C-alpha atoms as a PDB file:
ATOM      1  CA  UNK A   1       0.000   0.000   0.000  1.00  0.00           C
ATOM      2  CA  UNK A   2       2.790   2.471   0.798  1.00  0.00           C
ATOM      3  CA  UNK A   3       4.503   1.824  -2.508  1.00  0.00           C
ATOM      4  CA  UNK A   4       1.236   2.564  -4.267  1.00  0.00           C
ATOM      5  CA  UNK A   5       0.453   5.635  -2.177  1.00  0.00           C
ATOM      6  CA  UNK A   6       3.884   7.123  -2.703  1.00  0.00           C
ATOM      7  CA  UNK A   7       3.549   7.412  -6.479  1.00  0.00           C
ATOM      8  CA  UNK A   8       0.009   8.666  -6.005  1.00  0.00           C
ATOM      9  CA  UNK A   9       1.272  11.442  -3.743  1.00  0.00           C
ATOM     10  CA  UNK A  10       3.977  12.317  -6.203  1.00  0.00           C
ATOM     11  CA  UNK A  11       1.496  12.466  -9.015  1.00  0.00           C
ATOM     12  CA  UNK A  12      -0.769  14.698  -6.918  1.00  0.00           C
ATOM     13  CA  UNK A  13       2.025  17.219  -6.244  1.00  0.00           C
ATOM     14  CA  UNK A  14       3.477  17.397  -9.707  1.00  0.00           C
ATOM     15  CA  UNK A  15       0.749  19.621 -11.297  1.00  0.00           C
ATOM     16  CA  UNK A  16       1.451  22.425  -8.758  1.00  0.00           C
ATOM     17  CA  UNK A  17       4.850  23.244 -10.200  1.00  0.00           C
ATOM     18  CA  UNK A  18       3.584  24.182 -13.685  1.00  0.00           C
ATOM     19  CA  UNK A  19       0.831  26.310 -12.118  1.00  0.00           C
ATOM     20  CA  UNK A  20       3.389  28.182 -10.009  1.00  0.00           C
ATOM     21  CA  UNK A  21       5.602  28.649 -13.057  1.00  0.00           C
ATOM     22  CA  UNK A  22       2.654  29.862 -15.096  1.00  0.00           C
ATOM     23  CA  UNK A  23       1.592  32.230 -12.330  1.00  0.00           C
ATOM     24  CA  UNK A  24       5.064  33.751 -12.129  1.00  0.00           C
ATOM     25  CA  UNK A  25       5.228  34.089 -15.912  1.00  0.00           C
ATOM     26  CA  UNK A  26       1.817  35.737 -16.032  1.00  0.00           C
ATOM     27  CA  UNK A  27       2.763  38.215 -13.290  1.00  0.00           C
ATOM     28  CA  UNK A  28       5.976  39.072 -15.113  1.00  0.00           C
ATOM     29  CA  UNK A  29       4.092  39.568 -18.364  1.00  0.00           C
ATOM     30  CA  UNK A  30       1.564  41.823 -16.663  1.00  0.00           C
ATOM     31  CA  UNK A  31       4.366  43.863 -15.147  1.00  0.00           C
ATOM     32  CA  UNK A  32       6.005  44.283 -18.562  1.00  0.00           C
ATOM     33  CA  UNK A  33       2.695  45.278 -20.119  1.00  0.00           C
ATOM     34  CA  UNK A  34       2.097  47.816 -17.349  1.00  0.00           C
ATOM     35  CA  UNK A  35       5.534  49.373 -17.861  1.00  0.00           C
ATOM     36  CA  UNK A  36       5.044  49.439 -21.609  1.00  0.00           C
ATOM     37  CA  UNK A  37       1.649  51.080 -21.219  1.00  0.00           C
ATOM     38  CA  UNK A  38       3.116  53.687 -18.886  1.00  0.00           C
ATOM     39  CA  UNK A  39       5.861  54.459 -21.368  1.00  0.00           C
ATOM     40  CA  UNK A  40       3.376  54.678 -24.213  1.00  0.00           C
ATOM     41  CA  UNK A  41       1.175  57.034 -22.244  1.00  0.00           C
ATOM     42  CA  UNK A  42       4.134  59.280 -21.426  1.00  0.00           C
ATOM     43  CA  UNK A  43       5.346  59.273 -24.999  1.00  0.00           C
ATOM     44  CA  UNK A  44       1.851  59.960 -26.270  1.00  0.00           C
ATOM     45  CA  UNK A  45       1.444  62.881 -23.886  1.00  0.00           C
ATOM     46  CA  UNK A  46       4.762  64.380 -24.952  1.00  0.00           C
ATOM     47  CA  UNK A  47       3.895  63.839 -28.601  1.00  0.00           C
ATOM     48  CA  UNK A  48       0.548  65.536 -28.082  1.00  0.00           C
ATOM     49  CA  UNK A  49       2.173  68.528 -26.451  1.00  0.00           C
ATOM     50  CA  UNK A  50       4.605  68.813 -29.357  1.00  0.00           C
ATOM     51  CA  UNK A  51       1.840  68.516 -31.900  1.00  0.00           C
ATOM     52  CA  UNK A  52      -0.188  71.211 -30.144  1.00  0.00           C
ATOM     53  CA  UNK A  53       2.787  73.549 -30.158  1.00  0.00           C
ATOM     54  CA  UNK A  54       3.382  72.931 -33.857  1.00  0.00           C
ATOM     55  CA  UNK A  55      -0.311  73.384 -34.597  1.00  0.00           C
ATOM     56  CA  UNK A  56      -0.425  76.654 -32.671  1.00  0.00           C
ATOM     57  CA  UNK A  57       2.471  78.033 -34.690  1.00  0.00           C
ATOM     58  CA  UNK A  58       1.046  76.937 -38.021  1.00  0.00           C
ATOM     59  CA  UNK A  59      -2.424  78.192 -37.073  1.00  0.00           C
ATOM     60  CA  UNK A  60      -1.031  81.687 -36.511  1.00  0.00           C
ATOM     61  CA  UNK A  61       0.590  81.712 -39.923  1.00  0.00           C
ATOM     62  CA  UNK A  62      -2.535  80.355 -41.596  1.00  0.00           C
ATOM     63  CA  UNK A  63      -4.704  82.997 -39.906  1.00  0.00           C
ATOM     64  CA  UNK A  64      -2.351  85.738 -41.130  1.00  0.00           C
ATOM     65  CA  UNK A  65      -2.458  84.419 -44.703  1.00  0.00           C
ATOM     66  CA  UNK A  66      -6.245  84.191 -44.542  1.00  0.00           C
ATOM     67  CA  UNK A  67      -6.424  87.804 -43.317  1.00  0.00           C
ATOM     68  CA  UNK A  68      -4.305  88.963 -46.272  1.00  0.00           C
ATOM     69  CA  UNK A  69      -6.568  87.056 -48.644  1.00  0.00           C
ATOM     70  CA  UNK A  70      -9.714  88.472 -47.057  1.00  0.00           C
ATOM     71  CA  UNK A  71      -8.454  92.043 -47.464  1.00  0.00           C
ATOM     72  CA  UNK A  72      -7.338  91.442 -51.056  1.00  0.00           C
ATOM     73  CA  UNK A  73     -10.708  89.919 -51.996  1.00  0.00           C
ATOM     74  CA  UNK A  74     -12.314  93.321 -51.427  1.00  0.00           C
ATOM     75  CA  UNK A  75     -10.445  94.602 -54.491  1.00  0.00           C
ATOM     76  CA  UNK A  76     -11.818  94.213 -58.025  1.00  0.00           C
ATOM     77  CA  UNK A  77      -9.994  91.467 -59.940  1.00  0.00           C
ATOM     78  CA  UNK A  78      -8.477  93.927 -62.415  1.00  0.00           C
ATOM     79  CA  UNK A  79      -8.264  97.051 -60.265  1.00  0.00           C
ATOM     80  CA  UNK A  80      -5.570  99.282 -61.786  1.00  0.00           C
ATOM     81  CA  UNK A  81      -3.234 101.067 -59.392  1.00  0.00           C
ATOM     82  CA  UNK A  82      -4.320 104.571 -58.535  1.00  0.00           C
ATOM     83  CA  UNK A  83      -1.188 106.651 -58.833  1.00  0.00           C
ATOM     84  CA  UNK A  84      -0.983 109.605 -56.454  1.00  0.00           C
ATOM     85  CA  UNK A  85      -1.574 112.988 -58.122  1.00  0.00           C
ATOM     86  CA  UNK A  86       1.574 114.669 -59.386  1.00  0.00           C
ATOM     87  CA  UNK A  87       0.109 118.178 -59.093  1.00  0.00           C
ATOM     88  CA  UNK A  88      -1.754 120.312 -61.638  1.00  0.00           C
ATOM     89  CA  UNK A  89       0.098 121.362 -64.746  1.00  0.00           C
ATOM     90  CA  UNK A  90       0.323 125.041 -65.592  1.00  0.00           C
ATOM     91  CA  UNK A  91      -2.182 125.885 -68.301  1.00  0.00           C
ATOM     92  CA  UNK A  92      -2.664 129.036 -70.299  1.00  0.00           C
ATOM     93  CA  UNK A  93      -5.988 130.927 -70.434  1.00  0.00           C
ATOM     94  CA  UNK A  94      -8.161 130.271 -73.508  1.00  0.00           C
ATOM     95  CA  UNK A  95      -6.717 131.818 -76.648  1.00  0.00           C
ATOM     96  CA  UNK A  96      -3.237 132.245 -75.201  1.00  0.00           C
ATOM     97  CA  UNK A  97      -0.093 130.241 -75.888  1.00  0.00           C
ATOM     98  CA  UNK A  98       1.215 128.355 -72.855  1.00  0.00           C
ATOM     99  CA  UNK A  99       4.611 129.559 -71.644  1.00  0.00           C
ATOM    100  CA  UNK A 100       7.615 127.665 -72.916  1.00  0.00           C
ATOM    101  CA  UNK A 101       8.617 126.696 -69.396  1.00  0.00           C
ATOM    102  CA  UNK A 102       5.214 125.218 -68.501  1.00  0.00           C
ATOM    103  CA  UNK A 103       5.504 122.169 -66.246  1.00  0.00           C
ATOM    104  CA  UNK A 104       4.421 118.941 -67.932  1.00  0.00           C
ATOM    105  CA  UNK A 105       3.070 116.130 -65.737  1.00  0.00           C
ATOM    106  CA  UNK A 106       5.717 113.441 -65.492  1.00  0.00           C
ATOM    107  CA  UNK A 107       4.774 109.818 -64.940  1.00  0.00           C
ATOM    108  CA  UNK A 108       6.619 108.307 -61.997  1.00  0.00           C
ATOM    109  CA  UNK A 109       9.442 105.930 -62.867  1.00  0.00           C
ATOM    110  CA  UNK A 110      10.122 104.537 -59.396  1.00  0.00           C
ATOM    111  CA  UNK A 111       8.357 103.921 -56.116  1.00  0.00           C
ATOM    112  CA  UNK A 112       5.373 101.811 -55.040  1.00  0.00           C
ATOM    113  CA  UNK A 113       3.077 103.233 -57.714  1.00  0.00           C
ATOM    114  CA  UNK A 114       5.112 101.492 -60.427  1.00  0.00           C
ATOM    115  CA  UNK A 115       6.620  98.603 -58.463  1.00  0.00           C
ATOM    116  CA  UNK A 116       3.424  97.216 -56.927  1.00  0.00           C
ATOM    117  CA  UNK A 117       0.937  95.251 -58.996  1.00  0.00           C
ATOM    118  CA  UNK A 118      -2.762  96.162 -59.092  1.00  0.00           C
ATOM    119  CA  UNK A 119      -3.682  93.637 -56.387  1.00  0.00           C
ATOM    120  CA  UNK A 120      -1.032  94.893 -53.981  1.00  0.00           C
ATOM    121  CA  UNK A 121      -1.845  98.541 -54.630  1.00  0.00           C
ATOM    122  CA  UNK A 122      -5.528  98.079 -53.906  1.00  0.00           C
ATOM    123  CA  UNK A 123      -4.909  95.842 -50.887  1.00  0.00           C
ATOM    124  CA  UNK A 124      -2.327  98.332 -49.624  1.00  0.00           C
ATOM    125  CA  UNK A 125      -4.950 101.081 -49.570  1.00  0.00           C
ATOM    126  CA  UNK A 126      -7.203  98.877 -47.444  1.00  0.00           C
ATOM    127  CA  UNK A 127      -4.408  97.916 -45.046  1.00  0.00           C
ATOM    128  CA  UNK A 128      -3.453 101.576 -44.678  1.00  0.00           C
ATOM    129  CA  UNK A 129      -7.016 102.514 -43.784  1.00  0.00           C
ATOM    130  CA  UNK A 130      -7.649  99.761 -41.227  1.00  0.00           C
ATOM    131  CA  UNK A 131      -4.315 100.302 -39.461  1.00  0.00           C
ATOM    132  CA  UNK A 132      -4.527 104.106 -39.390  1.00  0.00           C
ATOM    133  CA  UNK A 133      -8.079 103.922 -38.028  1.00  0.00           C
ATOM    134  CA  UNK A 134      -7.007 101.554 -35.234  1.00  0.00           C
ATOM    135  CA  UNK A 135      -4.047 103.751 -34.238  1.00  0.00           C
ATOM    136  CA  UNK A 136      -5.814 107.090 -34.615  1.00  0.00           C
ATOM    137  CA  UNK A 137      -7.092 107.337 -31.030  1.00  0.00           C
ATOM    138  CA  UNK A 138      -4.021 105.807 -29.356  1.00  0.00           C
ATOM    139  CA  UNK A 139      -2.929 108.669 -27.100  1.00  0.00           C
ATOM    140  CA  UNK A 140       0.367 107.100 -26.020  1.00  0.00           C
ATOM    141  CA  UNK A 141       1.612 105.005 -28.949  1.00  0.00           C
ATOM    142  CA  UNK A 142       4.393 103.042 -27.286  1.00  0.00           C
ATOM    143  CA  UNK A 143       5.916 100.116 -29.212  1.00  0.00           C
ATOM    144  CA  UNK A 144       4.164  97.612 -26.929  1.00  0.00           C
ATOM    145  CA  UNK A 145       0.757  99.225 -27.509  1.00  0.00           C
ATOM    146  CA  UNK A 146       1.301  99.525 -31.240  1.00  0.00           C
ATOM    147  CA  UNK A 147       2.360  95.884 -31.461  1.00  0.00           C
ATOM    148  CA  UNK A 148      -0.758  94.775 -29.574  1.00  0.00           C
ATOM    149  CA  UNK A 149      -3.037  96.716 -31.908  1.00  0.00           C
ATOM    150  CA  UNK A 150      -1.292  95.280 -34.955  1.00  0.00           C
ATOM    151  CA  UNK A 151      -1.572  91.771 -33.492  1.00  0.00           C
ATOM    152  CA  UNK A 152      -5.271  92.310 -32.804  1.00  0.00           C
ATOM    153  CA  UNK A 153      -5.726  93.261 -36.459  1.00  0.00           C
ATOM    154  CA  UNK A 154      -4.092  89.992 -37.513  1.00  0.00           C
ATOM    155  CA  UNK A 155      -0.536  91.135 -38.274  1.00  0.00           C
ATOM    156  CA  UNK A 156       1.875  88.634 -36.725  1.00  0.00           C
ATOM    157  CA  UNK A 157       5.161  89.479 -35.011  1.00  0.00           C
ATOM    158  CA  UNK A 158       7.203  87.786 -37.742  1.00  0.00           C
ATOM    159  CA  UNK A 159       5.940  90.420 -40.197  1.00  0.00           C
ATOM    160  CA  UNK A 160       6.437  93.464 -37.917  1.00  0.00           C
ATOM    161  CA  UNK A 161       9.861  95.075 -38.314  1.00  0.00           C
ATOM    162  CA  UNK A 162      11.850  97.965 -36.822  1.00  0.00           C
ATOM    163  CA  UNK A 163       9.217  98.831 -34.212  1.00  0.00           C
ATOM    164  CA  UNK A 164      10.903 101.805 -32.543  1.00  0.00           C
ATOM    165  CA  UNK A 165       9.801 104.865 -30.626  1.00  0.00           C
ATOM    166  CA  UNK A 166      11.185 108.354 -31.173  1.00  0.00           C
ATOM    167  CA  UNK A 167       9.646 111.008 -28.958  1.00  0.00           C
ATOM    168  CA  UNK A 168       5.875 110.623 -29.147  1.00  0.00           C
ATOM    169  CA  UNK A 169       5.966 108.658 -32.400  1.00  0.00           C
ATOM    170  CA  UNK A 170       6.443 104.924 -32.889  1.00  0.00           C
ATOM    171  CA  UNK A 171       7.536 103.837 -36.332  1.00  0.00           C
ATOM    172  CA  UNK A 172       7.163 100.357 -37.800  1.00  0.00           C
ATOM    173  CA  UNK A 173       7.277  98.408 -41.037  1.00  0.00           C
ATOM    174  CA  UNK A 174       4.965  95.579 -42.083  1.00  0.00           C
ATOM    175  CA  UNK A 175       6.014  92.884 -44.512  1.00  0.00           C
ATOM    176  CA  UNK A 176       2.829  92.002 -46.409  1.00  0.00           C
ATOM    177  CA  UNK A 177       4.404  90.110 -49.310  1.00  0.00           C
ATOM    178  CA  UNK A 178       2.053  87.399 -50.532  1.00  0.00           C
ATOM    179  CA  UNK A 179       1.580  85.414 -53.756  1.00  0.00           C
ATOM    180  CA  UNK A 180       4.697  86.884 -55.333  1.00  0.00           C
ATOM    181  CA  UNK A 181       3.798  90.479 -54.465  1.00  0.00           C
ATOM    182  CA  UNK A 182       6.041  93.174 -53.019  1.00  0.00           C
ATOM    183  CA  UNK A 183       3.683  95.041 -50.707  1.00  0.00           C
ATOM    184  CA  UNK A 184       4.954  96.462 -47.436  1.00  0.00           C
ATOM    185  CA  UNK A 185       3.793  99.311 -45.224  1.00  0.00           C
ATOM    186  CA  UNK A 186       5.724 102.093 -43.539  1.00  0.00           C
ATOM    187  CA  UNK A 187       3.831 103.359 -40.500  1.00  0.00           C
ATOM    188  CA  UNK A 188       4.260 106.150 -37.976  1.00  0.00           C
ATOM    189  CA  UNK A 189       1.891 105.919 -35.015  1.00  0.00           C
ATOM    190  CA  UNK A 190       1.352 109.373 -33.513  1.00  0.00           C
ATOM    191  CA  UNK A 191      -2.305 109.568 -32.486  1.00  0.00           C
ATOM    192  CA  UNK A 192      -4.078 111.993 -34.866  1.00  0.00           C
ATOM    193  CA  UNK A 193      -0.851 112.451 -36.830  1.00  0.00           C
ATOM    194  CA  UNK A 194      -0.642 108.742 -37.634  1.00  0.00           C
ATOM    195  CA  UNK A 195       0.547 108.050 -41.161  1.00  0.00           C
ATOM    196  CA  UNK A 196       0.647 104.672 -42.947  1.00  0.00           C
ATOM    197  CA  UNK A 197       2.156 104.493 -46.446  1.00  0.00           C
ATOM    198  CA  UNK A 198       2.712 101.749 -48.974  1.00  0.00           C
ATOM    199  CA  UNK A 199       6.209 100.661 -49.895  1.00  0.00           C
ATOM    200  CA  UNK A 200       7.736  98.011 -52.132  1.00  0.00           C
ATOM    201  CA  UNK A 201       9.989  95.221 -50.870  1.00  0.00           C
ATOM    202  CA  UNK A 202      12.010  92.649 -52.830  1.00  0.00           C
ATOM    203  CA  UNK A 203       9.928  89.730 -54.062  1.00  0.00           C
ATOM    204  CA  UNK A 204      12.093  87.210 -52.200  1.00  0.00           C
ATOM    205  CA  UNK A 205      14.673  87.189 -49.460  1.00  0.00           C
ATOM    206  CA  UNK A 206      14.691  88.713 -45.981  1.00  0.00           C
ATOM    207  CA  UNK A 207      12.742  91.895 -45.423  1.00  0.00           C
ATOM    208  CA  UNK A 208      14.696  95.149 -45.370  1.00  0.00           C
ATOM    209  CA  UNK A 209      12.947  98.482 -44.786  1.00  0.00           C
ATOM    210  CA  UNK A 210      12.926 100.048 -48.280  1.00  0.00           C
ATOM    211  CA  UNK A 211      13.577 103.685 -47.435  1.00  0.00           C
ATOM    212  CA  UNK A 212      14.078 104.666 -51.059  1.00  0.00           C
ATOM    213  CA  UNK A 213      10.753 103.282 -52.271  1.00  0.00           C
ATOM    214  CA  UNK A 214       8.524 104.640 -49.532  1.00  0.00           C
ATOM    215  CA  UNK A 215       5.284 106.146 -50.854  1.00  0.00           C
END
């Protein structure tokens, strides 16, 4: 009987060892899965933060481009540039010969009126108006206040250049080049003496304030 019971006892104990081994393996696998999940969650969170930052930057640029397009769409498709008046020519009274030194109107050969295309010229007029109106009642036009107003209008910091204050006036340039155009603006914020003029920038390359082509 003992010889028979001994193998029976051995046979009864033997299944426990695989169960213990399986239990340990399962626990180890769960631990690995938990660590992997934790790492994935951390990586996903960091990736999300990065994506949000990238999206925020691209959204700002897209909004600026959309603002430029919205302003330009207010112009007729084939609006010709309206050149500034060059002053009245001297004319003689009826029946008299004009003097030999009479001043003849001369078409401009340089400056924004000849360097900007029709789309940029028309859009430039609209940008001038909206910016001048926003700055008109700014009693203390400091660079910080001027920048905030420009930002509120949709002009991003990357396109605002040389924002400097001199006395009670803050001067700035705006790079509004878009779709191969050359439009830029030269502004002087000085409350009711605010002036915003068109200027022409190079088609490509970094923006440089074009002093010689200021309107």
